[in-house]
Amino acid sequence: MSIDESTAARVAKLARIKVEPERLPALAVEFNTILGFIEQLSEVDVDGVEPMTSVTPQRLKRREDIVTDGSQQEAILTNAPDAREGFFAVPKVVE
């Protein structure tokens, strides 16, 4: 794929980057260089390579799932316009 000056101008407009008309040929060359590099990446054999999120193996720190501010059912239901039997009551919407 090759990028010409009009395509480079369109990409700059979509990215909301002001590019002077005399800089468009250089921008098109830069885009073509980037696309060439991306095409080279498609030639790399990655069969059997595990996907990774970081170059160093690490696990995220986890915390225990403990309720720390629970048992407030009555306080929460005081804000409800209609509460019955410990639940929010809502109008029936299905006939």
N, C-alpha and C. Protein backbone atom coordinates (compact mmCIF):
# COMPACT_ATOMS: atom_id res chain seq x y z
N MET A 1 0.84 -1.18 0.00
CA MET A 1 0.00 0.00 0.00
C MET A 1 0.89 1.24 0.00
N SER A 2 0.51 2.19 -0.81
CA SER A 2 1.30 3.41 -0.91
C SER A 2 0.42 4.61 -0.59
N ILE A 3 0.96 5.52 0.18
CA ILE A 3 0.24 6.73 0.57
C ILE A 3 0.71 7.88 -0.32
N ASP A 4 -0.23 8.55 -0.96
CA ASP A 4 0.14 9.73 -1.76
C ASP A 4 -0.15 11.00 -0.95
N GLU A 5 0.13 12.13 -1.54
CA GLU A 5 -0.01 13.40 -0.82
C GLU A 5 -1.46 13.69 -0.43
N SER A 6 -2.40 13.34 -1.30
CA SER A 6 -3.80 13.63 -0.97
C SER A 6 -4.27 12.76 0.20
N THR A 7 -3.81 11.50 0.26
CA THR A 7 -4.16 10.64 1.38
C THR A 7 -3.50 11.14 2.66
N ALA A 8 -2.25 11.60 2.56
CA ALA A 8 -1.56 12.15 3.73
C ALA A 8 -2.30 13.38 4.25
N ALA A 9 -2.79 14.22 3.34
CA ALA A 9 -3.54 15.40 3.74
C ALA A 9 -4.84 15.00 4.43
N ARG A 10 -5.49 13.96 3.92
CA ARG A 10 -6.74 13.50 4.52
C ARG A 10 -6.50 12.93 5.92
N VAL A 11 -5.43 12.15 6.08
CA VAL A 11 -5.10 11.60 7.39
C VAL A 11 -4.80 12.72 8.38
N ALA A 12 -4.06 13.73 7.93
CA ALA A 12 -3.75 14.86 8.80
C ALA A 12 -5.02 15.59 9.21
N LYS A 13 -5.94 15.74 8.27
CA LYS A 13 -7.21 16.41 8.60
C LYS A 13 -8.01 15.60 9.60
N LEU A 14 -8.07 14.27 9.40
CA LEU A 14 -8.81 13.41 10.32
C LEU A 14 -8.18 13.42 11.71
N ALA A 15 -6.85 13.55 11.77
CA ALA A 15 -6.15 13.60 13.05
C ALA A 15 -6.14 15.01 13.63
N ARG A 16 -6.72 15.94 12.89
CA ARG A 16 -6.77 17.35 13.29
C ARG A 16 -5.37 17.92 13.54
N ILE A 17 -4.48 17.57 12.60
CA ILE A 17 -3.12 18.08 12.63
C ILE A 17 -2.95 19.03 11.46
N LYS A 18 -2.51 20.24 11.75
CA LYS A 18 -2.30 21.21 10.69
C LYS A 18 -0.95 20.91 10.02
N VAL A 19 -1.00 20.62 8.73
CA VAL A 19 0.20 20.33 7.95
C VAL A 19 0.22 21.29 6.77
N GLU A 20 1.32 22.01 6.66
CA GLU A 20 1.47 22.93 5.53
C GLU A 20 1.59 22.13 4.23
N PRO A 21 1.05 22.66 3.13
CA PRO A 21 1.09 21.93 1.86
C PRO A 21 2.49 21.51 1.42
N GLU A 22 3.50 22.30 1.74
CA GLU A 22 4.86 21.94 1.33
C GLU A 22 5.43 20.78 2.15
N ARG A 23 4.81 20.46 3.30
CA ARG A 23 5.26 19.35 4.15
C ARG A 23 4.56 18.03 3.80
N LEU A 24 3.55 18.07 2.92
CA LEU A 24 2.80 16.85 2.59
C LEU A 24 3.66 15.77 1.94
N PRO A 25 4.57 16.10 1.01
CA PRO A 25 5.40 15.02 0.44
C PRO A 25 6.23 14.29 1.50
N ALA A 26 6.81 15.02 2.44
CA ALA A 26 7.61 14.39 3.49
C ALA A 26 6.71 13.54 4.40
N LEU A 27 5.51 14.02 4.68
CA LEU A 27 4.58 13.25 5.51
C LEU A 27 4.17 11.96 4.81
N ALA A 28 3.94 12.02 3.52
CA ALA A 28 3.59 10.82 2.76
C ALA A 28 4.73 9.81 2.81
N VAL A 29 5.97 10.28 2.71
CA VAL A 29 7.13 9.39 2.79
C VAL A 29 7.20 8.74 4.18
N GLU A 30 6.94 9.50 5.23
CA GLU A 30 6.95 8.96 6.59
C GLU A 30 5.88 7.89 6.75
N PHE A 31 4.67 8.17 6.24
CA PHE A 31 3.60 7.17 6.31
C PHE A 31 4.00 5.89 5.58
N ASN A 32 4.59 6.03 4.41
CA ASN A 32 5.01 4.86 3.64
C ASN A 32 6.09 4.07 4.37
N THR A 33 6.99 4.76 5.07
CA THR A 33 8.02 4.08 5.86
C THR A 33 7.38 3.29 7.00
N ILE A 34 6.41 3.88 7.66
CA ILE A 34 5.71 3.20 8.75
C ILE A 34 4.96 1.98 8.22
N LEU A 35 4.27 2.14 7.11
CA LEU A 35 3.53 1.00 6.54
C LEU A 35 4.48 -0.10 6.09
N GLY A 36 5.65 0.27 5.59
CA GLY A 36 6.65 -0.74 5.21
C GLY A 36 7.11 -1.54 6.41
N PHE A 37 7.31 -0.86 7.53
CA PHE A 37 7.70 -1.56 8.75
C PHE A 37 6.60 -2.52 9.21
N ILE A 38 5.37 -2.08 9.12
CA ILE A 38 4.25 -2.93 9.52
C ILE A 38 4.16 -4.16 8.62
N GLU A 39 4.42 -3.99 7.33
CA GLU A 39 4.41 -5.14 6.42
C GLU A 39 5.53 -6.11 6.77
N GLN A 40 6.67 -5.61 7.22
CA GLN A 40 7.75 -6.50 7.64
C GLN A 40 7.34 -7.32 8.86
N LEU A 41 6.57 -6.74 9.75
CA LEU A 41 6.13 -7.46 10.94
C LEU A 41 5.26 -8.66 10.58
N SER A 42 4.50 -8.56 9.49
CA SER A 42 3.63 -9.68 9.11
C SER A 42 4.44 -10.88 8.62
N GLU A 43 5.73 -10.69 8.29
CA GLU A 43 6.57 -11.79 7.83
C GLU A 43 7.17 -12.59 8.98
N VAL A 44 7.08 -12.10 10.21
CA VAL A 44 7.68 -12.76 11.36
C VAL A 44 6.86 -13.99 11.73
N ASP A 45 7.53 -15.11 11.96
CA ASP A 45 6.87 -16.35 12.35
C ASP A 45 6.63 -16.32 13.87
N VAL A 46 5.38 -16.27 14.28
CA VAL A 46 5.04 -16.21 15.70
C VAL A 46 4.32 -17.46 16.17
N ASP A 47 4.41 -18.54 15.41
CA ASP A 47 3.77 -19.79 15.83
C ASP A 47 4.41 -20.29 17.12
N GLY A 48 3.61 -20.63 18.08
CA GLY A 48 4.09 -21.14 19.35
C GLY A 48 4.55 -20.07 20.33
N VAL A 49 4.39 -18.81 20.00
CA VAL A 49 4.79 -17.73 20.90
C VAL A 49 3.57 -17.34 21.73
N GLU A 50 3.73 -17.40 23.04
CA GLU A 50 2.63 -17.05 23.94
C GLU A 50 2.37 -15.54 23.91
N PRO A 51 1.12 -15.11 23.87
CA PRO A 51 0.83 -13.68 24.00
C PRO A 51 1.24 -13.20 25.38
N MET A 52 1.69 -11.96 25.46
CA MET A 52 2.12 -11.44 26.74
C MET A 52 1.68 -9.99 26.90
N THR A 53 1.52 -9.60 28.14
CA THR A 53 1.11 -8.23 28.42
C THR A 53 2.28 -7.37 28.88
N SER A 54 3.41 -8.00 29.19
CA SER A 54 4.57 -7.27 29.66
C SER A 54 5.82 -8.08 29.32
N VAL A 55 6.96 -7.43 29.25
CA VAL A 55 8.19 -8.16 28.96
C VAL A 55 8.71 -8.90 30.18
N THR A 56 8.21 -8.57 31.35
CA THR A 56 8.60 -9.29 32.56
C THR A 56 7.38 -10.03 33.10
N PRO A 57 7.56 -11.29 33.45
CA PRO A 57 6.40 -12.04 33.98
C PRO A 57 6.02 -11.51 35.36
N GLN A 58 4.78 -11.14 35.50
CA GLN A 58 4.32 -10.63 36.78
C GLN A 58 2.82 -10.87 36.93
N ARG A 59 2.40 -11.00 38.15
CA ARG A 59 0.98 -11.16 38.44
C ARG A 59 0.48 -9.90 39.10
N LEU A 60 -0.74 -9.57 38.84
CA LEU A 60 -1.34 -8.42 39.50
C LEU A 60 -1.58 -8.75 40.97
N LYS A 61 -1.38 -7.77 41.80
CA LYS A 61 -1.66 -7.95 43.22
C LYS A 61 -3.16 -8.11 43.39
N ARG A 62 -3.52 -9.08 44.16
CA ARG A 62 -4.94 -9.34 44.40
C ARG A 62 -5.26 -9.11 45.86
N ARG A 63 -6.50 -8.75 46.11
CA ARG A 63 -6.94 -8.60 47.48
C ARG A 63 -8.10 -9.56 47.71
N GLU A 64 -8.30 -9.89 48.95
CA GLU A 64 -9.40 -10.79 49.27
C GLU A 64 -10.72 -10.05 49.10
N ASP A 65 -11.72 -10.77 48.67
CA ASP A 65 -13.03 -10.18 48.44
C ASP A 65 -13.80 -10.21 49.76
N ILE A 66 -13.65 -9.15 50.53
CA ILE A 66 -14.26 -9.06 51.85
C ILE A 66 -15.21 -7.87 51.86
N VAL A 67 -16.43 -8.09 52.34
CA VAL A 67 -17.38 -6.99 52.48
C VAL A 67 -16.93 -6.14 53.65
N THR A 68 -16.70 -4.86 53.38
CA THR A 68 -16.20 -3.99 54.45
C THR A 68 -17.23 -2.94 54.86
N ASP A 69 -18.25 -2.74 54.05
CA ASP A 69 -19.22 -1.69 54.37
C ASP A 69 -20.62 -2.19 54.04
N GLY A 70 -20.93 -3.40 54.44
CA GLY A 70 -22.23 -3.98 54.11
C GLY A 70 -23.25 -3.77 55.21
N SER A 71 -24.28 -4.55 55.16
CA SER A 71 -25.36 -4.52 56.15
C SER A 71 -26.01 -3.15 56.26
N GLN A 72 -26.24 -2.50 55.14
CA GLN A 72 -26.87 -1.18 55.15
C GLN A 72 -28.18 -1.20 54.35
N GLN A 73 -28.82 -2.35 54.33
CA GLN A 73 -30.04 -2.49 53.54
C GLN A 73 -31.09 -1.46 53.94
N GLU A 74 -31.33 -1.28 55.20
CA GLU A 74 -32.36 -0.33 55.65
C GLU A 74 -32.00 1.10 55.28
N ALA A 75 -30.73 1.48 55.43
CA ALA A 75 -30.30 2.85 55.10
C ALA A 75 -30.44 3.11 53.60
N ILE A 76 -30.14 2.11 52.79
CA ILE A 76 -30.25 2.29 51.33
C ILE A 76 -31.71 2.36 50.92
N LEU A 77 -32.54 1.52 51.50
CA LEU A 77 -33.95 1.50 51.11
C LEU A 77 -34.71 2.74 51.57
N THR A 78 -34.15 3.50 52.49
CA THR A 78 -34.84 4.74 52.89
C THR A 78 -34.86 5.75 51.75
N ASN A 79 -33.95 5.63 50.79
CA ASN A 79 -33.92 6.52 49.63
C ASN A 79 -34.87 6.08 48.52
N ALA A 80 -35.42 4.89 48.62
CA ALA A 80 -36.28 4.36 47.56
C ALA A 80 -37.67 4.98 47.66
N PRO A 81 -38.26 5.34 46.51
CA PRO A 81 -39.61 5.88 46.55
C PRO A 81 -40.63 4.83 46.99
N ASP A 82 -40.32 3.54 46.70
CA ASP A 82 -41.23 2.47 47.09
C ASP A 82 -40.39 1.23 47.39
N ALA A 83 -40.44 0.78 48.65
CA ALA A 83 -39.69 -0.41 49.05
C ALA A 83 -40.64 -1.35 49.77
N ARG A 84 -40.55 -2.64 49.40
CA ARG A 84 -41.42 -3.64 50.04
C ARG A 84 -40.61 -4.88 50.37
N GLU A 85 -40.81 -5.37 51.55
CA GLU A 85 -40.20 -6.63 52.01
C GLU A 85 -38.68 -6.63 51.83
N GLY A 86 -38.04 -5.48 52.01
CA GLY A 86 -36.59 -5.41 51.94
C GLY A 86 -36.02 -5.25 50.54
N PHE A 87 -36.88 -4.91 49.55
CA PHE A 87 -36.43 -4.75 48.17
C PHE A 87 -36.97 -3.46 47.58
N PHE A 88 -36.31 -2.97 46.51
CA PHE A 88 -36.87 -1.85 45.75
C PHE A 88 -38.10 -2.36 45.01
N ALA A 89 -39.19 -1.58 45.05
CA ALA A 89 -40.39 -1.95 44.33
C ALA A 89 -40.47 -1.05 43.09
N VAL A 90 -40.71 -1.67 41.94
CA VAL A 90 -40.80 -0.92 40.70
C VAL A 90 -42.11 -1.25 40.00
N PRO A 91 -42.63 -0.34 39.17
CA PRO A 91 -43.85 -0.65 38.47
C PRO A 91 -43.65 -1.78 37.45
N LYS A 92 -44.69 -2.54 37.22
CA LYS A 92 -44.65 -3.61 36.26
C LYS A 92 -44.56 -3.01 34.86
N VAL A 93 -43.61 -3.48 34.06
CA VAL A 93 -43.43 -2.92 32.71
C VAL A 93 -43.75 -3.94 31.63
N VAL A 94 -43.93 -5.20 31.99
CA VAL A 94 -44.27 -6.23 31.03
C VAL A 94 -45.72 -6.60 31.22
N GLU A 95 -46.47 -6.61 30.17
CA GLU A 95 -47.91 -6.94 30.24
C GLU A 95 -48.12 -8.42 30.32
